Amino acid sequence: MNILAVLVIFQPFVDLAEAIIKFFAETVGLSWGWSIVALTLTVRLFTLPLSLTGIRSMRRMQLVAPELKALQAKYKDDRERQQREMLALYKRHGVNPLASCFPFLLQIPFFIAVYSLLRGDAFAADVNESGSAVNFLFVPDILVPPEGAVKWVLIVLFISTTVLTFLYTTATTQTTTGPQRYIFLALPLLFAPIIASQPAGLAVYWITTNIWSLGQQVVVQRIMPMPTAPSPEQVAAARPPPKPPRKKKKRK
């Protein structure tokens, strides 16, 4: 797939993001920086039902983890049987292993859309012709890469909000341990220079979505506490009864 095909696929998201940003900037009267924040909140609010579904599924996955490990150990030499038993386990407990990925995957096209808009000449011309402010808080211009102290402040905010969100999420769900934990903690350090080299509005978008994610986890933890693990009796009762052995036909 070439770059042109990728741009065609994401063009509807680019057009939608541009329409939302311009609505907040030209109709509501926000500055262009605050309009990017408003776009971020709109996207996260739209994906909130999927996010809550993913959180519930992830928590159920955590509860069935001991039983899942037992199945993997029991059928380690029979991959086909192992997959069947795992799917049956997910079905009994209402677990969708991919549910927690959907909200994140849906945000990727909008991130690419904001990146495309901020680097596009047409959008920059519209922003400059509008006469509205292009600054945002301490960021002098959202259309150009940050420099000096502003650059380092954005880097610190990007890394800190990303790490805090990850640490709080893993602490409340008890997921991603061992080497994976260190890999996820190192990712913000790798992405920070890339974000800092792009138009500052992109960092504003990413930091805003990180703050939303952190706040969402705090609120969800308060109103939707982690469910208790089922007792061994409940687990046994949830399992389907074993099939009776087939009777051998007697030969005449």
Protein backbone atom coordinates (compact mmCIF):
# COMPACT_ATOMS: atom_id res chain seq x y z
CA MET A 1 0.00 0.00 0.00
CA ASN A 2 1.52 3.33 -1.11
CA ILE A 3 1.34 6.67 0.70
CA LEU A 4 -1.41 7.98 -1.62
CA ALA A 5 -3.67 5.05 -0.74
CA VAL A 6 -3.08 5.66 2.98
CA LEU A 7 -3.97 9.34 2.59
CA VAL A 8 -7.16 8.42 0.75
CA ILE A 9 -8.17 6.05 3.56
CA PHE A 10 -7.67 8.68 6.26
CA GLN A 11 -9.03 11.64 4.28
CA PRO A 12 -12.57 11.33 5.75
CA PHE A 13 -11.06 11.63 9.25
CA VAL A 14 -9.00 14.63 8.13
CA ASP A 15 -12.12 16.34 6.78
CA LEU A 16 -14.09 15.54 9.94
CA ALA A 17 -11.32 16.79 12.24
CA GLU A 18 -10.99 19.98 10.19
CA ALA A 19 -14.76 20.58 10.34
CA ILE A 20 -14.82 20.10 14.13
CA ILE A 21 -11.81 22.36 14.73
CA LYS A 22 -13.21 25.09 12.47
CA PHE A 23 -16.60 24.84 14.17
CA PHE A 24 -15.09 25.54 17.58
CA ALA A 25 -12.77 28.25 16.18
CA GLU A 26 -15.09 30.08 13.78
CA THR A 27 -18.56 29.43 15.23
CA VAL A 28 -17.96 29.02 18.96
CA GLY A 29 -15.14 31.57 18.98
CA LEU A 30 -12.37 29.56 20.62
CA SER A 31 -8.74 30.07 19.72
CA TRP A 32 -7.19 27.48 17.42
CA GLY A 33 -5.30 25.88 20.30
CA TRP A 34 -8.42 25.51 22.41
CA SER A 35 -10.23 24.22 19.33
CA ILE A 36 -7.72 21.35 19.15
CA VAL A 37 -8.42 20.64 22.83
CA ALA A 38 -12.15 20.70 22.06
CA LEU A 39 -11.59 18.26 19.17
CA THR A 40 -9.72 15.93 21.52
CA LEU A 41 -12.50 16.01 24.11
CA THR A 42 -15.11 15.44 21.39
CA VAL A 43 -13.28 12.37 20.09
CA ARG A 44 -12.78 10.95 23.59
CA LEU A 45 -16.42 11.60 24.50
CA PHE A 46 -17.52 9.85 21.31
CA THR A 47 -15.35 6.81 22.09
CA LEU A 48 -16.31 6.73 25.80
CA PRO A 49 -18.84 3.86 25.46
CA LEU A 50 -16.19 1.74 23.74
CA SER A 51 -13.66 2.70 26.41
CA LEU A 52 -15.99 1.59 29.23
CA THR A 53 -16.71 -1.66 27.40
CA GLY A 54 -12.97 -2.24 27.03
CA ILE A 55 -12.34 -1.55 30.74
CA ARG A 56 -15.06 -4.02 31.78
CA SER A 57 -13.70 -6.67 29.42
CA MET A 58 -10.13 -6.12 30.65
CA ARG A 59 -11.24 -6.55 34.26
CA ARG A 60 -13.13 -9.74 33.45
CA MET A 61 -10.01 -10.93 31.65
CA GLN A 62 -8.02 -10.35 34.82
CA LEU A 63 -10.51 -12.37 36.87
CA VAL A 64 -10.33 -15.38 34.55
CA ALA A 65 -6.53 -15.16 34.21
CA PRO A 66 -5.84 -18.03 36.69
CA GLU A 67 -8.26 -20.31 34.88
CA LEU A 68 -6.82 -19.22 31.53
CA LYS A 69 -3.29 -20.11 32.66
CA ALA A 70 -4.52 -23.49 33.85
CA LEU A 71 -6.03 -24.19 30.43
CA GLN A 72 -2.84 -23.12 28.67
CA ALA A 73 -0.79 -25.43 30.85
CA LYS A 74 -3.25 -28.32 30.51
CA TYR A 75 -3.41 -28.20 26.71
CA LYS A 76 0.09 -26.90 25.98
CA ASP A 77 0.73 -29.82 23.63
CA ASP A 78 -2.57 -29.44 21.78
CA ARG A 79 -2.83 -25.92 20.36
CA GLU A 80 -6.12 -26.52 18.58
CA ARG A 81 -7.82 -27.83 21.73
CA GLN A 82 -6.25 -25.00 23.73
CA GLN A 83 -7.76 -22.38 21.41
CA ARG A 84 -11.20 -24.01 21.59
CA GLU A 85 -11.13 -24.11 25.39
CA MET A 86 -9.93 -20.50 25.61
CA LEU A 87 -12.72 -19.30 23.32
CA ALA A 88 -15.24 -21.25 25.40
CA LEU A 89 -13.84 -19.64 28.55
CA TYR A 90 -14.13 -16.15 27.04
CA LYS A 91 -17.72 -16.88 25.98
CA ARG A 92 -18.76 -18.13 29.44
CA HIS A 93 -17.41 -15.03 31.17
CA GLY A 94 -18.36 -12.51 28.47
CA VAL A 95 -14.76 -11.55 27.74
CA ASN A 96 -13.64 -9.97 24.47
CA PRO A 97 -9.81 -9.87 24.40
CA LEU A 98 -9.86 -7.20 21.67
CA ALA A 99 -12.42 -4.88 23.32
CA SER A 100 -9.76 -2.83 25.14
CA CYS A 101 -7.99 -2.12 21.82
CA PHE A 102 -10.95 -0.62 19.96
CA PRO A 103 -10.95 2.86 21.61
CA PHE A 104 -7.21 3.24 21.04
CA LEU A 105 -7.46 2.08 17.42
CA LEU A 106 -10.30 4.53 16.79
CA GLN A 107 -8.18 7.43 18.06
CA ILE A 108 -5.29 6.71 15.69
CA PRO A 109 -7.06 8.07 12.56
CA PHE A 110 -7.82 11.36 14.38
CA PHE A 111 -4.22 11.66 15.54
CA ILE A 112 -3.09 11.20 11.94
CA ALA A 113 -5.76 13.70 10.86
CA VAL A 114 -4.48 16.38 13.27
CA TYR A 115 -0.92 15.69 12.11
CA SER A 116 -1.98 16.04 8.47
CA LEU A 117 -3.92 19.26 9.12
CA LEU A 118 -1.16 20.99 11.07
CA ARG A 119 1.41 20.21 8.39
CA GLY A 120 -0.88 21.20 5.51
CA ASP A 121 -0.52 24.55 3.77
CA ALA A 122 -4.27 24.94 3.18
CA PHE A 123 -5.17 24.62 6.87
CA ALA A 124 -2.32 26.95 7.87
CA ALA A 125 -3.58 29.54 5.38
CA ASP A 126 -7.11 29.30 6.79
CA VAL A 127 -5.78 29.73 10.33
CA ASN A 128 -3.66 32.76 9.46
CA GLU A 129 -6.45 34.40 7.43
CA SER A 130 -9.00 33.95 10.22
CA GLY A 131 -7.28 36.42 12.50
CA SER A 132 -7.91 34.19 15.53
CA ALA A 133 -5.11 33.53 18.00
CA VAL A 134 -2.69 30.76 17.10
CA ASN A 135 -1.15 30.66 20.57
CA PHE A 136 -2.23 28.31 23.33
CA LEU A 137 -1.39 29.01 26.98
CA PHE A 138 2.43 29.14 26.95
CA VAL A 139 2.70 27.87 23.32
CA PRO A 140 3.24 30.87 21.00
CA ASP A 141 2.17 29.14 17.75
CA ILE A 142 0.49 25.73 17.34
CA LEU A 143 1.43 25.56 13.66
CA VAL A 144 5.20 25.42 14.11
CA PRO A 145 7.47 23.10 16.13
CA PRO A 146 8.12 24.37 19.66
CA GLU A 147 11.48 25.88 20.55
CA GLY A 148 13.48 26.68 23.67
CA ALA A 149 11.76 26.36 27.04
CA VAL A 150 8.37 25.67 25.43
CA LYS A 151 9.78 22.60 23.73
CA TRP A 152 11.11 21.16 27.00
CA VAL A 153 7.90 21.92 28.88
CA LEU A 154 5.88 20.06 26.24
CA ILE A 155 8.31 17.12 26.36
CA VAL A 156 8.01 16.93 30.15
CA LEU A 157 4.21 17.16 30.00
CA PHE A 158 4.03 14.51 27.27
CA ILE A 159 6.27 12.03 29.13
CA SER A 160 4.73 12.64 32.58
CA THR A 161 1.10 12.38 31.46
CA THR A 162 1.82 9.25 29.41
CA VAL A 163 3.72 7.53 32.24
CA LEU A 164 1.20 8.53 34.91
CA THR A 165 -1.69 7.22 32.83
CA PHE A 166 0.12 3.93 32.24
CA LEU A 167 1.14 3.49 35.89
CA TYR A 168 -2.34 4.23 37.21
CA THR A 169 -3.98 1.93 34.67
CA THR A 170 -1.66 -0.97 35.43
CA ALA A 171 -1.95 -0.37 39.20
CA THR A 172 -5.74 -0.53 39.15
CA THR A 173 -6.00 -3.46 36.74
CA GLN A 174 -2.80 -5.29 37.71
CA THR A 175 -1.87 -5.90 34.09
CA THR A 176 1.33 -5.62 32.06
CA THR A 177 4.04 -6.84 34.36
CA GLY A 178 7.65 -7.87 33.84
CA PRO A 179 9.59 -6.83 30.72
CA GLN A 180 6.44 -5.49 29.01
CA ARG A 181 6.07 -2.91 31.78
CA TYR A 182 9.54 -1.49 31.15
CA ILE A 183 8.96 -1.43 27.40
CA PHE A 184 5.78 0.63 27.81
CA LEU A 185 7.54 2.97 30.23
CA ALA A 186 10.34 3.51 27.71
CA LEU A 187 8.03 4.28 24.77
CA PRO A 188 7.27 7.89 25.84
CA LEU A 189 11.03 8.59 25.93
CA LEU A 190 11.32 7.36 22.35
CA PHE A 191 8.29 9.28 21.07
CA ALA A 192 9.02 12.55 22.89
CA PRO A 193 11.68 13.82 20.41
CA ILE A 194 9.37 12.96 17.50
CA ILE A 195 6.44 14.85 19.03
CA ALA A 196 8.69 17.83 19.85
CA SER A 197 9.84 18.06 16.24
CA GLN A 198 6.28 18.39 14.91
CA PRO A 199 3.86 21.36 15.07
CA ALA A 200 3.08 22.18 18.70
CA GLY A 201 -0.63 21.55 18.16
CA LEU A 202 0.11 17.84 17.86
CA ALA A 203 1.64 17.80 21.35
CA VAL A 204 -1.40 19.72 22.63
CA TYR A 205 -3.67 17.01 21.18
CA TRP A 206 -1.64 14.14 22.66
CA ILE A 207 -1.22 15.70 26.12
CA THR A 208 -4.95 16.47 26.26
CA THR A 209 -5.90 12.90 25.43
CA ASN A 210 -3.44 11.65 28.07
CA ILE A 211 -5.06 13.88 30.70
CA TRP A 212 -8.50 12.59 29.67
CA SER A 213 -7.29 8.98 29.94
CA LEU A 214 -5.87 9.57 33.42
CA GLY A 215 -9.04 11.31 34.62
CA GLN A 216 -11.17 8.58 33.07
CA GLN A 217 -9.28 5.88 34.94
CA VAL A 218 -9.63 7.74 38.26
CA VAL A 219 -13.39 8.25 37.81
CA VAL A 220 -14.00 4.70 36.59
CA GLN A 221 -12.08 3.26 39.53
CA ARG A 222 -14.34 5.20 41.92
CA ILE A 223 -17.70 4.42 40.31
CA MET A 224 -16.82 0.98 38.90
CA PRO A 225 -14.52 -0.74 41.42
CA MET A 226 -12.76 -3.93 40.50
CA PRO A 227 -15.19 -6.89 40.78
CA THR A 228 -14.32 -9.71 43.15
CA ALA A 229 -12.97 -12.93 41.76
CA PRO A 230 -15.51 -15.80 41.60
CA SER A 231 -15.20 -18.57 44.14
CA PRO A 232 -14.02 -22.05 43.06
CA GLU A 233 -17.63 -23.24 43.44
CA GLN A 234 -18.87 -20.51 41.07
CA VAL A 235 -16.14 -21.33 38.57
CA ALA A 236 -17.05 -25.02 38.70
CA ALA A 237 -20.75 -24.22 38.30
CA ALA A 238 -20.02 -22.04 35.26
CA ARG A 239 -18.26 -24.87 33.44
CA PRO A 240 -20.45 -26.88 31.10
CA PRO A 241 -21.14 -30.43 32.26
CA PRO A 242 -18.90 -33.09 30.74
CA LYS A 243 -20.33 -35.00 27.82
CA PRO A 244 -21.34 -38.56 28.68
CA PRO A 245 -19.14 -41.22 27.09
CA ARG A 246 -20.45 -42.79 23.97
CA LYS A 247 -21.76 -46.30 24.36
CA LYS A 248 -20.04 -48.82 22.20
CA LYS A 249 -22.37 -50.76 19.98
CA LYS A 250 -22.29 -54.44 20.60
CA ARG A 251 -21.42 -56.51 17.58
CA LYS A 252 -23.92 -59.18 16.76
